[in-house]
């Protein structure tokens, strides 16, 4: 069974680079990766907050949040 991984980002250059280098590097035989662009899906910001995401880009795997570099604070996306 694959492990679910959710990669949250906002479309900024830092986020896009992280998506191309981090999310795409996960083994597709082990991980079911969902890419969530919060700029296009602002209704999912609350979901990201509940998962523990504080800034994007961030990768969530099994309730563990991995903040990658710093593109934007999640609070800034709500404005």
N, C-alpha and C. Protein backbone atom coordinates (compact mmCIF):
# COMPACT_ATOMS: atom_id res chain seq x y z
N UNK A 1 0.83 -1.18 0.00
CA UNK A 1 0.00 0.00 0.00
C UNK A 1 0.88 1.25 0.00
N UNK A 2 0.50 2.24 -0.83
CA UNK A 2 1.26 3.48 -0.92
C UNK A 2 0.94 4.41 0.24
N UNK A 3 1.93 5.19 0.61
CA UNK A 3 1.78 6.22 1.64
C UNK A 3 1.36 7.51 0.96
N UNK A 4 0.36 8.18 1.53
CA UNK A 4 -0.11 9.45 0.98
C UNK A 4 0.85 10.57 1.36
N UNK A 5 1.19 11.38 0.39
CA UNK A 5 2.02 12.56 0.61
C UNK A 5 1.32 13.74 -0.06
N UNK A 6 1.22 14.85 0.65
CA UNK A 6 0.58 16.05 0.09
C UNK A 6 1.62 17.17 0.07
N UNK A 7 1.83 17.71 -1.11
CA UNK A 7 2.77 18.81 -1.29
C UNK A 7 1.96 20.08 -1.50
N UNK A 8 2.04 21.00 -0.53
CA UNK A 8 1.32 22.27 -0.60
C UNK A 8 2.27 23.35 -1.09
N UNK A 9 1.77 24.18 -2.02
CA UNK A 9 2.57 25.32 -2.47
C UNK A 9 1.66 26.43 -2.95
N UNK A 10 2.28 27.58 -3.27
CA UNK A 10 1.51 28.75 -3.68
C UNK A 10 1.88 29.23 -5.08
N UNK A 11 2.72 28.49 -5.77
CA UNK A 11 3.07 28.84 -7.14
C UNK A 11 4.25 29.78 -7.30
N UNK A 12 4.85 30.21 -6.21
CA UNK A 12 6.00 31.11 -6.29
C UNK A 12 7.22 30.33 -6.82
N UNK A 13 8.27 31.01 -7.27
CA UNK A 13 9.44 30.31 -7.80
C UNK A 13 10.06 29.30 -6.83
N UNK A 14 10.11 29.64 -5.55
CA UNK A 14 10.64 28.72 -4.54
C UNK A 14 9.78 27.45 -4.50
N UNK A 15 8.46 27.64 -4.53
CA UNK A 15 7.53 26.51 -4.46
C UNK A 15 7.64 25.62 -5.70
N UNK A 16 7.70 26.24 -6.86
CA UNK A 16 7.78 25.47 -8.10
C UNK A 16 9.08 24.67 -8.15
N UNK A 17 10.18 25.28 -7.73
CA UNK A 17 11.46 24.57 -7.70
C UNK A 17 11.40 23.40 -6.73
N UNK A 18 10.78 23.60 -5.57
CA UNK A 18 10.65 22.51 -4.60
C UNK A 18 9.78 21.40 -5.14
N UNK A 19 8.71 21.76 -5.84
CA UNK A 19 7.84 20.74 -6.44
C UNK A 19 8.64 19.91 -7.44
N UNK A 20 9.41 20.56 -8.30
CA UNK A 20 10.18 19.87 -9.32
C UNK A 20 11.29 19.01 -8.72
N UNK A 21 11.88 19.46 -7.62
CA UNK A 21 13.02 18.75 -7.05
C UNK A 21 12.68 17.80 -5.91
N UNK A 22 11.69 18.12 -5.10
CA UNK A 22 11.38 17.31 -3.93
C UNK A 22 10.21 16.38 -4.20
N UNK A 23 9.06 16.95 -4.50
CA UNK A 23 7.86 16.13 -4.70
C UNK A 23 8.05 15.14 -5.83
N UNK A 24 8.67 15.58 -6.92
CA UNK A 24 8.87 14.70 -8.06
C UNK A 24 9.90 13.60 -7.77
N UNK A 25 10.72 13.79 -6.74
CA UNK A 25 11.75 12.81 -6.42
C UNK A 25 11.22 11.64 -5.58
N UNK A 26 10.01 11.79 -5.03
CA UNK A 26 9.46 10.70 -4.22
C UNK A 26 9.16 9.49 -5.09
N UNK A 27 9.49 8.33 -4.60
CA UNK A 27 9.30 7.07 -5.33
C UNK A 27 7.80 6.82 -5.55
N UNK A 28 7.34 6.83 -6.80
CA UNK A 28 5.91 6.65 -7.06
C UNK A 28 5.39 5.25 -6.72
N UNK A 29 6.28 4.32 -6.50
CA UNK A 29 5.82 2.99 -6.07
C UNK A 29 5.56 2.95 -4.58
N UNK A 30 6.08 3.94 -3.85
CA UNK A 30 5.90 4.01 -2.40
C UNK A 30 4.97 5.11 -1.94
N UNK A 31 4.88 6.20 -2.74
CA UNK A 31 4.11 7.37 -2.33
C UNK A 31 3.06 7.76 -3.37
N UNK A 32 1.88 8.07 -2.88
CA UNK A 32 0.82 8.64 -3.69
C UNK A 32 0.87 10.14 -3.41
N UNK A 33 1.47 10.91 -4.33
CA UNK A 33 1.71 12.32 -4.11
C UNK A 33 0.58 13.16 -4.71
N UNK A 34 0.03 14.04 -3.87
CA UNK A 34 -0.97 15.01 -4.33
C UNK A 34 -0.34 16.39 -4.25
N UNK A 35 -0.39 17.12 -5.34
CA UNK A 35 0.12 18.49 -5.39
C UNK A 35 -1.06 19.44 -5.20
N UNK A 36 -0.96 20.32 -4.20
CA UNK A 36 -2.04 21.27 -3.92
C UNK A 36 -1.49 22.69 -4.07
N UNK A 37 -1.95 23.38 -5.09
CA UNK A 37 -1.58 24.78 -5.33
C UNK A 37 -2.60 25.63 -4.57
N UNK A 38 -2.20 26.17 -3.45
CA UNK A 38 -3.13 26.90 -2.59
C UNK A 38 -3.60 28.22 -3.21
N UNK A 39 -2.87 28.74 -4.17
CA UNK A 39 -3.33 29.93 -4.88
C UNK A 39 -4.53 29.62 -5.76
N UNK A 40 -4.58 28.40 -6.25
CA UNK A 40 -5.69 27.97 -7.10
C UNK A 40 -6.77 27.25 -6.31
N UNK A 41 -6.43 26.79 -5.12
CA UNK A 41 -7.39 26.07 -4.27
C UNK A 41 -7.38 26.67 -2.87
N UNK A 42 -7.76 27.95 -2.73
CA UNK A 42 -7.70 28.59 -1.41
C UNK A 42 -8.62 27.93 -0.38
N UNK A 43 -9.60 27.17 -0.84
CA UNK A 43 -10.48 26.47 0.09
C UNK A 43 -9.75 25.36 0.84
N UNK A 44 -8.53 25.04 0.42
CA UNK A 44 -7.76 23.99 1.10
C UNK A 44 -6.74 24.54 2.08
N UNK A 45 -6.70 25.86 2.26
CA UNK A 45 -5.76 26.46 3.23
C UNK A 45 -6.05 25.96 4.64
N UNK A 46 -7.32 25.87 5.02
CA UNK A 46 -7.68 25.38 6.36
C UNK A 46 -7.20 23.94 6.55
N UNK A 47 -7.31 23.14 5.52
CA UNK A 47 -6.82 21.75 5.58
C UNK A 47 -5.32 21.73 5.85
N UNK A 48 -4.58 22.60 5.14
CA UNK A 48 -3.13 22.68 5.33
C UNK A 48 -2.81 23.11 6.76
N UNK A 49 -3.55 24.08 7.27
CA UNK A 49 -3.35 24.53 8.66
C UNK A 49 -3.58 23.38 9.64
N UNK A 50 -4.66 22.64 9.44
CA UNK A 50 -4.95 21.50 10.34
C UNK A 50 -3.84 20.45 10.29
N UNK A 51 -3.19 20.34 9.14
CA UNK A 51 -2.10 19.37 9.00
C UNK A 51 -0.81 19.87 9.68
N UNK A 52 -0.79 21.18 10.04
CA UNK A 52 0.39 21.73 10.71
C UNK A 52 1.29 22.57 9.82
N UNK A 53 0.85 22.83 8.60
CA UNK A 53 1.64 23.64 7.67
C UNK A 53 1.63 25.10 8.14
N UNK A 54 2.82 25.69 8.22
CA UNK A 54 2.98 27.09 8.64
C UNK A 54 3.40 27.97 7.47
N UNK A 55 4.12 27.37 6.51
CA UNK A 55 4.58 28.10 5.33
C UNK A 55 4.67 27.11 4.17
N UNK A 56 4.71 27.68 2.98
CA UNK A 56 4.85 26.84 1.79
C UNK A 56 6.14 27.22 1.08
N UNK A 57 6.74 26.26 0.42
CA UNK A 57 6.32 24.90 0.16
C UNK A 57 6.47 24.01 1.39
N UNK A 58 5.57 23.05 1.47
CA UNK A 58 5.61 22.09 2.57
C UNK A 58 5.11 20.73 2.07
N UNK A 59 5.70 19.70 2.61
CA UNK A 59 5.33 18.34 2.27
C UNK A 59 4.82 17.66 3.54
N UNK A 60 3.64 17.06 3.46
CA UNK A 60 3.06 16.37 4.61
C UNK A 60 3.00 14.88 4.29
N UNK A 61 3.65 14.10 5.13
CA UNK A 61 3.65 12.64 5.00
C UNK A 61 3.34 12.06 6.36
N UNK A 62 2.28 11.29 6.44
CA UNK A 62 1.87 10.63 7.68
C UNK A 62 1.88 11.58 8.88
N UNK A 63 1.21 12.68 8.75
CA UNK A 63 1.07 13.68 9.81
C UNK A 63 2.36 14.40 10.18
N UNK A 64 3.46 14.14 9.46
CA UNK A 64 4.71 14.87 9.67
C UNK A 64 4.79 15.95 8.60
N UNK A 65 5.10 17.17 9.03
CA UNK A 65 5.19 18.30 8.11
C UNK A 65 6.65 18.66 7.89
N UNK A 66 7.02 18.74 6.62
CA UNK A 66 8.38 19.11 6.25
C UNK A 66 8.31 20.44 5.51
N UNK A 67 8.74 21.50 6.19
CA UNK A 67 8.76 22.82 5.57
C UNK A 67 10.05 22.93 4.76
N UNK A 68 9.90 23.27 3.50
CA UNK A 68 11.03 23.28 2.57
C UNK A 68 11.33 24.73 2.20
N UNK A 69 12.51 25.22 2.57
CA UNK A 69 12.88 26.59 2.27
C UNK A 69 11.80 27.52 2.80
N UNK A 70 11.58 28.65 2.17
CA UNK A 70 10.49 29.53 2.59
C UNK A 70 10.03 30.32 1.38
N UNK A 71 8.81 30.05 0.97
CA UNK A 71 8.22 30.78 -0.14
C UNK A 71 7.25 31.82 0.36
N UNK A 72 6.31 31.39 1.23
CA UNK A 72 5.31 32.30 1.77
C UNK A 72 4.72 31.72 3.04
N UNK A 73 4.40 32.58 3.98
CA UNK A 73 3.72 32.15 5.20
C UNK A 73 2.28 31.79 4.83
N UNK A 74 1.75 30.77 5.45
CA UNK A 74 0.38 30.36 5.17
C UNK A 74 -0.59 31.51 5.51
N UNK A 75 -0.30 32.25 6.55
CA UNK A 75 -1.15 33.37 6.95
C UNK A 75 -1.24 34.42 5.83
N UNK A 76 -0.18 34.59 5.07
CA UNK A 76 -0.17 35.56 3.96
C UNK A 76 -1.09 35.13 2.83
N UNK A 77 -1.31 33.84 2.68
CA UNK A 77 -2.16 33.34 1.60
C UNK A 77 -3.64 33.59 1.89
N UNK A 78 -3.97 33.85 3.14
CA UNK A 78 -5.36 34.09 3.52
C UNK A 78 -5.80 35.52 3.22
N UNK A 79 -4.87 36.40 2.92
CA UNK A 79 -5.18 37.82 2.72
C UNK A 79 -5.82 38.05 1.37
